[in-house]
Full PDB file with SEQRES, HELIX, SHEET, SSBOND, CRYST1, ORIGX, SCALE, CONECT and MASTER records, all heavy atoms in Angstrom:
SEQRES   1 A   37  ARG THR GLY THR PRO SER ALA ALA ALA VAL GLY ARG ALA          
SEQRES   2 A   37  VAL GLY ARG ILE ARG GLU ASP PRO THR PHE ARG ASP ALA          
SEQRES   3 A   37  ALA ALA ARG VAL GLY ALA ASP LEU ARG GLY ARG                  
HELIX    1 AA1 ALA A    7  GLU A   19  1                                  13    
HELIX    2 AA2 PRO A   21  GLY A   36  1                                  16    
CRYST1    1.000    1.000    1.000  90.00  90.00  90.00 P 1           1          
ORIGX1      1.000000  0.000000  0.000000        0.00000                         
ORIGX2      0.000000  1.000000  0.000000        0.00000                         
ORIGX3      0.000000  0.000000  1.000000        0.00000                         
SCALE1      1.000000  0.000000  0.000000        0.00000                         
SCALE2      0.000000  1.000000  0.000000        0.00000                         
SCALE3      0.000000  0.000000  1.000000        0.00000                         
ATOM      1  N   ARG A   1      -1.279   8.637   8.517  1.00  0.00           N  
ATOM      2  CA  ARG A   1      -2.086   9.452   9.451  1.00  0.00           C  
ATOM      3  C   ARG A   1      -1.451  10.834   9.668  1.00  0.00           C  
ATOM      4  O   ARG A   1      -1.572  11.362  10.698  1.00  0.00           O  
ATOM      5  CB  ARG A   1      -2.159   8.733  10.796  1.00  0.00           C  
ATOM      6  CG  ARG A   1      -2.939   7.381  10.684  1.00  0.00           C  
ATOM      7  CD  ARG A   1      -3.043   6.656  12.052  1.00  0.00           C  
ATOM      8  NE  ARG A   1      -3.624   5.329  11.904  1.00  0.00           N  
ATOM      9  CZ  ARG A   1      -4.978   5.086  11.760  1.00  0.00           C  
ATOM     10  NH1 ARG A   1      -5.854   6.201  11.889  1.00  0.00           N  
ATOM     11  NH2 ARG A   1      -5.422   3.874  11.566  1.00  0.00           N  
ATOM     12  N   THR A   2      -0.746  11.330   8.666  1.00  0.00           N  
ATOM     13  CA  THR A   2      -0.234  12.714   8.741  1.00  0.00           C  
ATOM     14  C   THR A   2       0.166  13.019   7.305  1.00  0.00           C  
ATOM     15  O   THR A   2       0.454  12.261   6.549  1.00  0.00           O  
ATOM     16  CB  THR A   2       1.034  12.804   9.702  1.00  0.00           C  
ATOM     17  OG1 THR A   2       1.573  14.129   9.546  1.00  0.00           O  
ATOM     18  CG2 THR A   2       2.078  11.804   9.208  1.00  0.00           C  
ATOM     19  N   GLY A   3       0.176  14.417   7.069  1.00  0.00           N  
ATOM     20  CA  GLY A   3       0.596  14.862   5.771  1.00  0.00           C  
ATOM     21  C   GLY A   3       2.081  15.152   5.733  1.00  0.00           C  
ATOM     22  O   GLY A   3       2.681  15.533   4.691  1.00  0.00           O  
ATOM     23  N   THR A   4       2.746  15.170   7.031  1.00  0.00           N  
ATOM     24  CA  THR A   4       4.140  15.494   7.066  1.00  0.00           C  
ATOM     25  C   THR A   4       4.879  14.387   7.828  1.00  0.00           C  
ATOM     26  O   THR A   4       5.316  14.575   8.921  1.00  0.00           O  
ATOM     27  CB  THR A   4       4.332  16.856   7.783  1.00  0.00           C  
ATOM     28  OG1 THR A   4       3.698  16.784   9.027  1.00  0.00           O  
ATOM     29  CG2 THR A   4       3.827  18.035   6.960  1.00  0.00           C  
ATOM     30  N   PRO A   5       4.994  13.209   7.144  1.00  0.00           N  
ATOM     31  CA  PRO A   5       5.585  12.125   7.836  1.00  0.00           C  
ATOM     32  C   PRO A   5       7.172  12.256   7.981  1.00  0.00           C  
ATOM     33  O   PRO A   5       7.789  13.013   7.223  1.00  0.00           O  
ATOM     34  CB  PRO A   5       5.277  10.884   6.987  1.00  0.00           C  
ATOM     35  CG  PRO A   5       5.177  11.546   5.549  1.00  0.00           C  
ATOM     36  CD  PRO A   5       4.576  12.922   5.828  1.00  0.00           C  
ATOM     37  N   SER A   6       7.680  11.502   8.899  1.00  0.00           N  
ATOM     38  CA  SER A   6       9.167  11.417   9.015  1.00  0.00           C  
ATOM     39  C   SER A   6       9.688  10.444   7.921  1.00  0.00           C  
ATOM     40  O   SER A   6       8.992   9.630   7.342  1.00  0.00           O  
ATOM     41  CB  SER A   6       9.587  10.916  10.388  1.00  0.00           C  
ATOM     42  OG  SER A   6       9.134   9.587  10.528  1.00  0.00           O  
ATOM     43  N   ALA A   7      10.981  10.551   7.635  1.00  0.00           N  
ATOM     44  CA  ALA A   7      11.657   9.676   6.637  1.00  0.00           C  
ATOM     45  C   ALA A   7      11.486   8.254   7.254  1.00  0.00           C  
ATOM     46  O   ALA A   7      11.231   7.313   6.431  1.00  0.00           O  
ATOM     47  CB  ALA A   7      13.064  10.117   6.461  1.00  0.00           C  
ATOM     48  N   ALA A   8      11.671   8.068   8.443  1.00  0.00           N  
ATOM     49  CA  ALA A   8      11.611   6.725   9.094  1.00  0.00           C  
ATOM     50  C   ALA A   8      10.267   6.102   8.818  1.00  0.00           C  
ATOM     51  O   ALA A   8      10.127   4.886   8.531  1.00  0.00           O  
ATOM     52  CB  ALA A   8      11.935   6.786  10.532  1.00  0.00           C  
ATOM     53  N   ALA A   9       9.135   6.938   8.934  1.00  0.00           N  
ATOM     54  CA  ALA A   9       7.794   6.378   8.825  1.00  0.00           C  
ATOM     55  C   ALA A   9       7.540   5.930   7.366  1.00  0.00           C  
ATOM     56  O   ALA A   9       6.990   4.989   7.123  1.00  0.00           O  
ATOM     57  CB  ALA A   9       6.771   7.429   9.238  1.00  0.00           C  
ATOM     58  N   VAL A  10       8.025   6.766   6.477  1.00  0.00           N  
ATOM     59  CA  VAL A  10       7.834   6.413   5.044  1.00  0.00           C  
ATOM     60  C   VAL A  10       8.655   5.116   4.694  1.00  0.00           C  
ATOM     61  O   VAL A  10       8.158   4.267   4.034  1.00  0.00           O  
ATOM     62  CB  VAL A  10       8.299   7.573   4.129  1.00  0.00           C  
ATOM     63  CG1 VAL A  10       8.297   7.138   2.690  1.00  0.00           C  
ATOM     64  CG2 VAL A  10       7.476   8.867   4.316  1.00  0.00           C  
ATOM     65  N   GLY A  11       9.896   5.089   5.160  1.00  0.00           N  
ATOM     66  CA  GLY A  11      10.707   3.991   4.864  1.00  0.00           C  
ATOM     67  C   GLY A  11      10.073   2.707   5.466  1.00  0.00           C  
ATOM     68  O   GLY A  11      10.110   1.613   4.766  1.00  0.00           O  
ATOM     69  N   ARG A  12       9.611   2.671   6.755  1.00  0.00           N  
ATOM     70  CA  ARG A  12       8.904   1.531   7.346  1.00  0.00           C  
ATOM     71  C   ARG A  12       7.692   1.044   6.521  1.00  0.00           C  
ATOM     72  O   ARG A  12       7.503  -0.149   6.225  1.00  0.00           O  
ATOM     73  CB  ARG A  12       8.490   1.783   8.771  1.00  0.00           C  
ATOM     74  CG  ARG A  12       9.659   1.854   9.717  1.00  0.00           C  
ATOM     75  CD  ARG A  12       9.172   1.756  11.150  1.00  0.00           C  
ATOM     76  NE  ARG A  12       8.312   2.975  11.409  1.00  0.00           N  
ATOM     77  CZ  ARG A  12       8.773   4.071  11.934  1.00  0.00           C  
ATOM     78  NH1 ARG A  12      10.137   4.191  12.223  1.00  0.00           N  
ATOM     79  NH2 ARG A  12       7.919   5.006  12.215  1.00  0.00           N  
ATOM     80  N   ALA A  13       6.962   2.078   6.043  1.00  0.00           N  
ATOM     81  CA  ALA A  13       5.715   1.726   5.264  1.00  0.00           C  
ATOM     82  C   ALA A  13       6.028   1.207   3.947  1.00  0.00           C  
ATOM     83  O   ALA A  13       5.343   0.147   3.510  1.00  0.00           O  
ATOM     84  CB  ALA A  13       4.883   3.010   5.145  1.00  0.00           C  
ATOM     85  N   VAL A  14       6.960   1.692   3.255  1.00  0.00           N  
ATOM     86  CA  VAL A  14       7.365   1.114   1.917  1.00  0.00           C  
ATOM     87  C   VAL A  14       7.911  -0.329   2.114  1.00  0.00           C  
ATOM     88  O   VAL A  14       7.620  -1.204   1.413  1.00  0.00           O  
ATOM     89  CB  VAL A  14       8.375   2.039   1.286  1.00  0.00           C  
ATOM     90  CG1 VAL A  14       8.962   1.318  -0.059  1.00  0.00           C  
ATOM     91  CG2 VAL A  14       7.798   3.309   0.814  1.00  0.00           C  
ATOM     92  N   GLY A  15       8.672  -0.436   3.195  1.00  0.00           N  
ATOM     93  CA  GLY A  15       9.230  -1.776   3.488  1.00  0.00           C  
ATOM     94  C   GLY A  15       8.122  -2.802   3.804  1.00  0.00           C  
ATOM     95  O   GLY A  15       8.224  -3.965   3.323  1.00  0.00           O  
ATOM     96  N   ARG A  16       7.055  -2.369   4.557  1.00  0.00           N  
ATOM     97  CA  ARG A  16       5.958  -3.307   4.845  1.00  0.00           C  
ATOM     98  C   ARG A  16       5.326  -3.710   3.542  1.00  0.00           C  
ATOM     99  O   ARG A  16       5.006  -4.972   3.372  1.00  0.00           O  
ATOM    100  CB  ARG A  16       4.947  -2.590   5.777  1.00  0.00           C  
ATOM    101  CG  ARG A  16       5.309  -2.527   7.196  1.00  0.00           C  
ATOM    102  CD  ARG A  16       4.179  -1.798   7.953  1.00  0.00           C  
ATOM    103  NE  ARG A  16       2.941  -2.599   7.840  1.00  0.00           N  
ATOM    104  CZ  ARG A  16       1.818  -2.143   8.173  1.00  0.00           C  
ATOM    105  NH1 ARG A  16       1.552  -0.807   8.567  1.00  0.00           N  
ATOM    106  NH2 ARG A  16       0.637  -2.890   8.147  1.00  0.00           N  
ATOM    107  N   ILE A  17       5.107  -2.791   2.672  1.00  0.00           N  
ATOM    108  CA  ILE A  17       4.301  -3.129   1.473  1.00  0.00           C  
ATOM    109  C   ILE A  17       5.233  -4.094   0.596  1.00  0.00           C  
ATOM    110  O   ILE A  17       4.695  -5.031  -0.040  1.00  0.00           O  
ATOM    111  CB  ILE A  17       3.943  -1.929   0.753  1.00  0.00           C  
ATOM    112  CG1 ILE A  17       2.782  -1.205   1.378  1.00  0.00           C  
ATOM    113  CG2 ILE A  17       3.599  -2.198  -0.782  1.00  0.00           C  
ATOM    114  CD1 ILE A  17       2.342   0.075   0.806  1.00  0.00           C  
ATOM    115  N   ARG A  18       6.553  -3.741   0.503  1.00  0.00           N  
ATOM    116  CA  ARG A  18       7.419  -4.667  -0.314  1.00  0.00           C  
ATOM    117  C   ARG A  18       7.478  -6.080   0.249  1.00  0.00           C  
ATOM    118  O   ARG A  18       7.698  -7.090  -0.506  1.00  0.00           O  
ATOM    119  CB  ARG A  18       8.672  -4.062  -0.453  1.00  0.00           C  
ATOM    120  CG  ARG A  18       8.765  -2.744  -1.154  1.00  0.00           C  
ATOM    121  CD  ARG A  18      10.106  -2.245  -1.436  1.00  0.00           C  
ATOM    122  NE  ARG A  18      10.854  -3.093  -2.374  1.00  0.00           N  
ATOM    123  CZ  ARG A  18      12.242  -3.031  -2.577  1.00  0.00           C  
ATOM    124  NH1 ARG A  18      12.904  -2.113  -1.888  1.00  0.00           N  
ATOM    125  NH2 ARG A  18      12.869  -3.818  -3.335  1.00  0.00           N  
ATOM    126  N   GLU A  19       7.458  -6.186   1.600  1.00  0.00           N  
ATOM    127  CA  GLU A  19       7.555  -7.561   2.252  1.00  0.00           C  
ATOM    128  C   GLU A  19       6.360  -8.248   2.433  1.00  0.00           C  
ATOM    129  O   GLU A  19       6.405  -9.557   2.548  1.00  0.00           O  
ATOM    130  CB  GLU A  19       8.347  -7.249   3.660  1.00  0.00           C  
ATOM    131  CG  GLU A  19       9.705  -6.681   3.555  1.00  0.00           C  
ATOM    132  CD  GLU A  19      10.162  -6.150   4.841  1.00  0.00           C  
ATOM    133  OE1 GLU A  19       9.385  -6.359   5.899  1.00  0.00           O  
ATOM    134  OE2 GLU A  19      11.257  -5.589   4.911  1.00  0.00           O  
ATOM    135  N   ASP A  20       5.121  -7.653   2.449  1.00  0.00           N  
ATOM    136  CA  ASP A  20       3.850  -8.339   2.789  1.00  0.00           C  
ATOM    137  C   ASP A  20       2.950  -8.356   1.545  1.00  0.00           C  
ATOM    138  O   ASP A  20       2.481  -7.360   1.151  1.00  0.00           O  
ATOM    139  CB  ASP A  20       3.201  -7.523   3.935  1.00  0.00           C  
ATOM    140  CG  ASP A  20       1.932  -8.218   4.402  1.00  0.00           C  
ATOM    141  OD1 ASP A  20       1.499  -9.199   3.710  1.00  0.00           O  
ATOM    142  OD2 ASP A  20       1.407  -7.835   5.533  1.00  0.00           O  
ATOM    143  N   PRO A  21       2.825  -9.524   0.896  1.00  0.00           N  
ATOM    144  CA  PRO A  21       2.084  -9.663  -0.237  1.00  0.00           C  
ATOM    145  C   PRO A  21       0.607  -9.384  -0.159  1.00  0.00           C  
ATOM    146  O   PRO A  21      -0.081  -9.214  -1.085  1.00  0.00           O  
ATOM    147  CB  PRO A  21       2.312 -11.065  -0.755  1.00  0.00           C  
ATOM    148  CG  PRO A  21       2.711 -11.879   0.628  1.00  0.00           C  
ATOM    149  CD  PRO A  21       3.450 -10.935   1.370  1.00  0.00           C  
ATOM    150  N   THR A  22       0.077  -9.343   1.046  1.00  0.00           N  
ATOM    151  CA  THR A  22      -1.398  -9.077   1.183  1.00  0.00           C  
ATOM    152  C   THR A  22      -1.724  -7.643   0.723  1.00  0.00           C  
ATOM    153  O   THR A  22      -2.919  -7.510   0.309  1.00  0.00           O  
ATOM    154  CB  THR A  22      -1.780  -9.269   2.699  1.00  0.00           C  
ATOM    155  OG1 THR A  22      -1.141  -8.320   3.480  1.00  0.00           O  
ATOM    156  CG2 THR A  22      -1.555 -10.571   3.175  1.00  0.00           C  
ATOM    157  N   PHE A  23      -0.827  -6.658   0.849  1.00  0.00           N  
ATOM    158  CA  PHE A  23      -1.113  -5.346   0.307  1.00  0.00           C  
ATOM    159  C   PHE A  23      -1.348  -5.348  -1.232  1.00  0.00           C  
ATOM    160  O   PHE A  23      -2.284  -4.829  -1.746  1.00  0.00           O  
ATOM    161  CB  PHE A  23       0.004  -4.377   0.637  1.00  0.00           C  
ATOM    162  CG  PHE A  23       0.100  -4.063   2.085  1.00  0.00           C  
ATOM    163  CD1 PHE A  23       1.122  -4.510   2.935  1.00  0.00           C  
ATOM    164  CD2 PHE A  23      -0.845  -3.170   2.670  1.00  0.00           C  
ATOM    165  CE1 PHE A  23       1.210  -4.174   4.182  1.00  0.00           C  
ATOM    166  CE2 PHE A  23      -0.769  -2.874   4.019  1.00  0.00           C  
ATOM    167  CZ  PHE A  23       0.232  -3.385   4.760  1.00  0.00           C  
ATOM    168  N   ARG A  24      -0.424  -6.085  -1.872  1.00  0.00           N  
ATOM    169  CA  ARG A  24      -0.577  -6.186  -3.372  1.00  0.00           C  
ATOM    170  C   ARG A  24      -1.834  -6.984  -3.760  1.00  0.00           C  
ATOM    171  O   ARG A  24      -2.490  -6.663  -4.713  1.00  0.00           O  
ATOM    172  CB  ARG A  24       0.651  -6.808  -3.932  1.00  0.00           C  
ATOM    173  CG  ARG A  24       0.690  -6.815  -5.509  1.00  0.00           C  
ATOM    174  CD  ARG A  24       2.058  -6.977  -6.023  1.00  0.00           C  
ATOM    175  NE  ARG A  24       2.906  -5.867  -5.730  1.00  0.00           N  
ATOM    176  CZ  ARG A  24       2.921  -4.759  -6.362  1.00  0.00           C  
ATOM    177  NH1 ARG A  24       2.171  -4.557  -7.380  1.00  0.00           N  
ATOM    178  NH2 ARG A  24       3.777  -3.798  -6.031  1.00  0.00           N  
ATOM    179  N   ASP A  25      -2.118  -7.968  -2.929  1.00  0.00           N  
ATOM    180  CA  ASP A  25      -3.339  -8.829  -3.275  1.00  0.00           C  
ATOM    181  C   ASP A  25      -4.542  -8.053  -3.158  1.00  0.00           C  
ATOM    182  O   ASP A  25      -5.510  -8.100  -3.941  1.00  0.00           O  
ATOM    183  CB  ASP A  25      -3.381 -10.016  -2.281  1.00  0.00           C  
ATOM    184  CG  ASP A  25      -2.308 -11.044  -2.553  1.00  0.00           C  
ATOM    185  OD1 ASP A  25      -1.660 -11.037  -3.616  1.00  0.00           O  
ATOM    186  OD2 ASP A  25      -2.071 -11.889  -1.671  1.00  0.00           O  
ATOM    187  N   ALA A  26      -4.622  -7.203  -2.056  1.00  0.00           N  
ATOM    188  CA  ALA A  26      -5.789  -6.273  -1.780  1.00  0.00           C  
ATOM    189  C   ALA A  26      -5.933  -5.275  -2.918  1.00  0.00           C  
ATOM    190  O   ALA A  26      -6.963  -4.993  -3.398  1.00  0.00           O  
ATOM    191  CB  ALA A  26      -5.711  -5.775  -0.479  1.00  0.00           C  
ATOM    192  N   ALA A  27      -4.742  -4.697  -3.373  1.00  0.00           N  
ATOM    193  CA  ALA A  27      -4.773  -3.707  -4.374  1.00  0.00           C  
ATOM    194  C   ALA A  27      -5.207  -4.289  -5.642  1.00  0.00           C  
ATOM    195  O   ALA A  27      -6.041  -3.720  -6.479  1.00  0.00           O  
ATOM    196  CB  ALA A  27      -3.455  -3.108  -4.560  1.00  0.00           C  
ATOM    197  N   ALA A  28      -4.894  -5.562  -5.924  1.00  0.00           N  
ATOM    198  CA  ALA A  28      -5.304  -6.236  -7.112  1.00  0.00           C  
ATOM    199  C   ALA A  28      -6.772  -6.492  -7.097  1.00  0.00           C  
ATOM    200  O   ALA A  28      -7.488  -6.307  -8.142  1.00  0.00           O  
ATOM    201  CB  ALA A  28      -4.587  -7.632  -7.252  1.00  0.00           C  
ATOM    202  N   ARG A  29      -7.402  -6.858  -5.961  1.00  0.00           N  
ATOM    203  CA  ARG A  29      -8.842  -6.964  -5.895  1.00  0.00           C  
ATOM    204  C   ARG A  29      -9.597  -5.678  -6.079  1.00  0.00           C  
ATOM    205  O   ARG A  29     -10.631  -5.645  -6.827  1.00  0.00           O  
ATOM    206  CB  ARG A  29      -9.229  -7.543  -4.436  1.00  0.00           C  
ATOM    207  CG  ARG A  29      -8.892  -8.975  -4.207  1.00  0.00           C  
ATOM    208  CD  ARG A  29      -9.582  -9.410  -2.942  1.00  0.00           C  
ATOM    209  NE  ARG A  29      -9.167  -8.718  -1.745  1.00  0.00           N  
ATOM    210  CZ  ARG A  29      -8.149  -9.038  -0.966  1.00  0.00           C  
ATOM    211  NH1 ARG A  29      -7.383 -10.093  -1.373  1.00  0.00           N  
ATOM    212  NH2 ARG A  29      -7.847  -8.397   0.082  1.00  0.00           N  
ATOM    213  N   VAL A  30      -9.069  -4.606  -5.482  1.00  0.00           N  
ATOM    214  CA  VAL A  30      -9.752  -3.295  -5.710  1.00  0.00           C  
ATOM    215  C   VAL A  30      -9.601  -2.914  -7.119  1.00  0.00           C  
ATOM    216  O   VAL A  30     -10.535  -2.386  -7.827  1.00  0.00           O  
ATOM    217  CB  VAL A  30      -9.101  -2.219  -4.742  1.00  0.00           C  
ATOM    218  CG1 VAL A  30      -9.727  -0.895  -5.094  1.00  0.00           C  
ATOM    219  CG2 VAL A  30      -9.422  -2.617  -3.324  1.00  0.00           C  
ATOM    220  N   GLY A  31      -8.401  -3.103  -7.718  1.00  0.00           N  
ATOM    221  CA  GLY A  31      -8.206  -2.730  -9.124  1.00  0.00           C  
ATOM    222  C   GLY A  31      -9.103  -3.548 -10.012  1.00  0.00           C  
ATOM    223  O   GLY A  31      -9.622  -2.886 -11.003  1.00  0.00           O  
ATOM    224  N   ALA A  32      -9.219  -4.801  -9.778  1.00  0.00           N  
ATOM    225  CA  ALA A  32     -10.194  -5.526 -10.716  1.00  0.00           C  
ATOM    226  C   ALA A  32     -11.586  -4.972 -10.572  1.00  0.00           C  
ATOM    227  O   ALA A  32     -12.259  -4.921 -11.649  1.00  0.00           O  
ATOM    228  CB  ALA A  32     -10.175  -7.033 -10.303  1.00  0.00           C  
ATOM    229  N   ASP A  33     -12.094  -4.583  -9.451  1.00  0.00           N  
ATOM    230  CA  ASP A  33     -13.429  -4.048  -9.273  1.00  0.00           C  
ATOM    231  C   ASP A  33     -13.546  -2.640 -10.019  1.00  0.00           C  
ATOM    232  O   ASP A  33     -14.484  -2.419 -10.624  1.00  0.00           O  
ATOM    233  CB  ASP A  33     -13.733  -3.864  -7.799  1.00  0.00           C  
ATOM    234  CG  ASP A  33     -15.204  -3.571  -7.625  1.00  0.00           C  
ATOM    235  OD1 ASP A  33     -16.074  -4.439  -7.885  1.00  0.00           O  
ATOM    236  OD2 ASP A  33     -15.494  -2.388  -7.325  1.00  0.00           O  
ATOM    237  N   LEU A  34     -12.482  -1.807  -9.786  1.00  0.00           N  
ATOM    238  CA  LEU A  34     -12.474  -0.550 -10.514  1.00  0.00           C  
ATOM    239  C   LEU A  34     -12.588  -0.752 -11.985  1.00  0.00           C  
ATOM    240  O   LEU A  34     -13.338  -0.001 -12.674  1.00  0.00           O  
ATOM    241  CB  LEU A  34     -11.190   0.249 -10.175  1.00  0.00           C  
ATOM    242  CG  LEU A  34     -11.121   0.803  -8.651  1.00  0.00           C  
ATOM    243  CD1 LEU A  34      -9.646   1.292  -8.460  1.00  0.00           C  
ATOM    244  CD2 LEU A  34     -12.144   1.910  -8.355  1.00  0.00           C  
ATOM    245  N   ARG A  35     -11.768  -1.589 -12.553  1.00  0.00           N  
ATOM    246  CA  ARG A  35     -11.726  -1.847 -14.001  1.00  0.00           C  
ATOM    247  C   ARG A  35     -13.019  -2.411 -14.535  1.00  0.00           C  
ATOM    248  O   ARG A  35     -13.352  -2.116 -15.644  1.00  0.00           O  
ATOM    249  CB  ARG A  35     -10.595  -2.742 -14.418  1.00  0.00           C  
ATOM    250  CG  ARG A  35      -9.134  -2.122 -14.088  1.00  0.00           C  
ATOM    251  CD  ARG A  35      -8.104  -2.936 -14.815  1.00  0.00           C  
ATOM    252  NE  ARG A  35      -8.072  -4.309 -14.327  1.00  0.00           N  
ATOM    253  CZ  ARG A  35      -7.467  -4.780 -13.156  1.00  0.00           C  
ATOM    254  NH1 ARG A  35      -6.771  -3.953 -12.482  1.00  0.00           N  
ATOM    255  NH2 ARG A  35      -7.492  -6.083 -12.847  1.00  0.00           N  
ATOM    256  N   GLY A  36     -13.753  -3.035 -13.647  1.00  0.00           N  
ATOM    257  CA  GLY A  36     -14.964  -3.719 -14.101  1.00  0.00           C  
ATOM    258  C   GLY A  36     -16.278  -2.899 -14.092  1.00  0.00           C  
ATOM    259  O   GLY A  36     -17.333  -3.389 -14.425  1.00  0.00           O  
ATOM    260  N   ARG A  37     -16.113  -1.658 -13.613  1.00  0.00           N  
ATOM    261  CA  ARG A  37     -17.272  -0.842 -13.409  1.00  0.00           C  
ATOM    262  C   ARG A  37     -17.593   0.087 -14.570  1.00  0.00           C  
ATOM    263  O   ARG A  37     -18.576   0.883 -14.486  1.00  0.00           O  
ATOM    264  CB  ARG A  37     -17.184  -0.079 -12.172  1.00  0.00           C  
ATOM    265  CG  ARG A  37     -17.328  -1.038 -10.922  1.00  0.00           C  
ATOM    266  CD  ARG A  37     -17.360  -0.367  -9.619  1.00  0.00           C  
ATOM    267  NE  ARG A  37     -17.683  -1.375  -8.596  1.00  0.00           N  
ATOM    268  CZ  ARG A  37     -18.975  -1.804  -8.275  1.00  0.00           C  
ATOM    269  NH1 ARG A  37     -20.053  -1.203  -8.853  1.00  0.00           N  
ATOM    270  NH2 ARG A  37     -19.122  -2.782  -7.427  1.00  0.00           N  
TER     271      ARG A  37                                                      
MASTER        0    0    0    2    0    0    0    6  270    1    0    3          
END                                                                             
């Protein structure tokens, strides 16, 4: 929600994605749809 994030915000976000598999699952769903069009 900003173009100039703090280092802490970037670190927390990367940590969330690495720890929560639902982000990768959703990206895989979107990716499959993109590739199929």
